[in-house]
Amino acid sequence: MSKPVIIDGHIHWGMWKPEREGWPNAGLEDIREALRRSGIDGAVLMPTDQADNEGLAAALAPDPDGFHLFAWLDPHHPDRTMRFLEEHQAHVAGLKVHPSLERIKVSDPEWSPFLEWANEKRLPVIVHSGRWQEMASWRFCLDVAERYPDAAIIIAHLGGDLATLQQECSREMQRRQLPNAYLGTESIREYYSLRIALDRLGPERILFGSDYPLGWPSAYLGVFEGANPSDEERRLVLGENLLRLIRRRRID
């Protein structure tokens, strides 16, 4: 079988806020080099917690080929963020929510205008999920997926950065059968949790990502291979699922 198209579904562009001391920054040339060295064909790009959507759009404008812009949602400056979405909707392929860094649960009302917009436009929305259960639980993501059925809710980090969280999440997704809930593989090490999720949910519900520059892309391709995927699973998880979600969006 020929090599599948590989799209990294989770990469950050730009500089982190000063309080993220030690977190690496990445410009477009850094990202292109990381993808080239990792054998990856394209990527979802989103800003860091600086929420510099305008800067990312300007950086991509001369040569956007292979990149898909996901806007960072800033609930503390909703008017500015919504204005960007409306003015750039032809170029916005999806959205990013980070409850932990913004200190607001994804199920809280501050996110509602953005999630309603995503639901109307049929956009994918990546939601950070981690071990801080009071703020970033995968449970809140599933509640949001039920509330906004036309938005594709991608639960990042396979539901959390612990095997127990990851496996609880895929079990509950299997039980609830929400057709618009997906899992991202970004920055996970637990190949066995990924194998369990593939068996429970099928490869159509899982999307590859690395979280570069916080993780090296080819390292997470190795984790994916540790799950012993079939050719069909490679084709879907590594690229086709993400491209399908992006193509279904509505543009006025």
Foldseek 3Di string as FASTA:
>chain_A
DDAAAFEAEAEEADDEPPVVPPFDHDHPVRVVVLCVVLVHQAYEYEYYVVQPLVVVCVSCVVPVPRYAYAGEAQLVCNVVSVVVCVVCVVRHLHYEYEQVVNVAACLDPSCVVVLVVQLQFLHEYEYEAEDPCVTHFVVSQVVSCVVRVSYQYEYECCGYADLVRNQVNLVVCLVVVRVRYAYENEPHQQLVSVLNSCVSPNLLRYAYHHHPPNGRRNVSVVSPVVSVDDPVSCNRHRPVSSVVSSVSTHDD
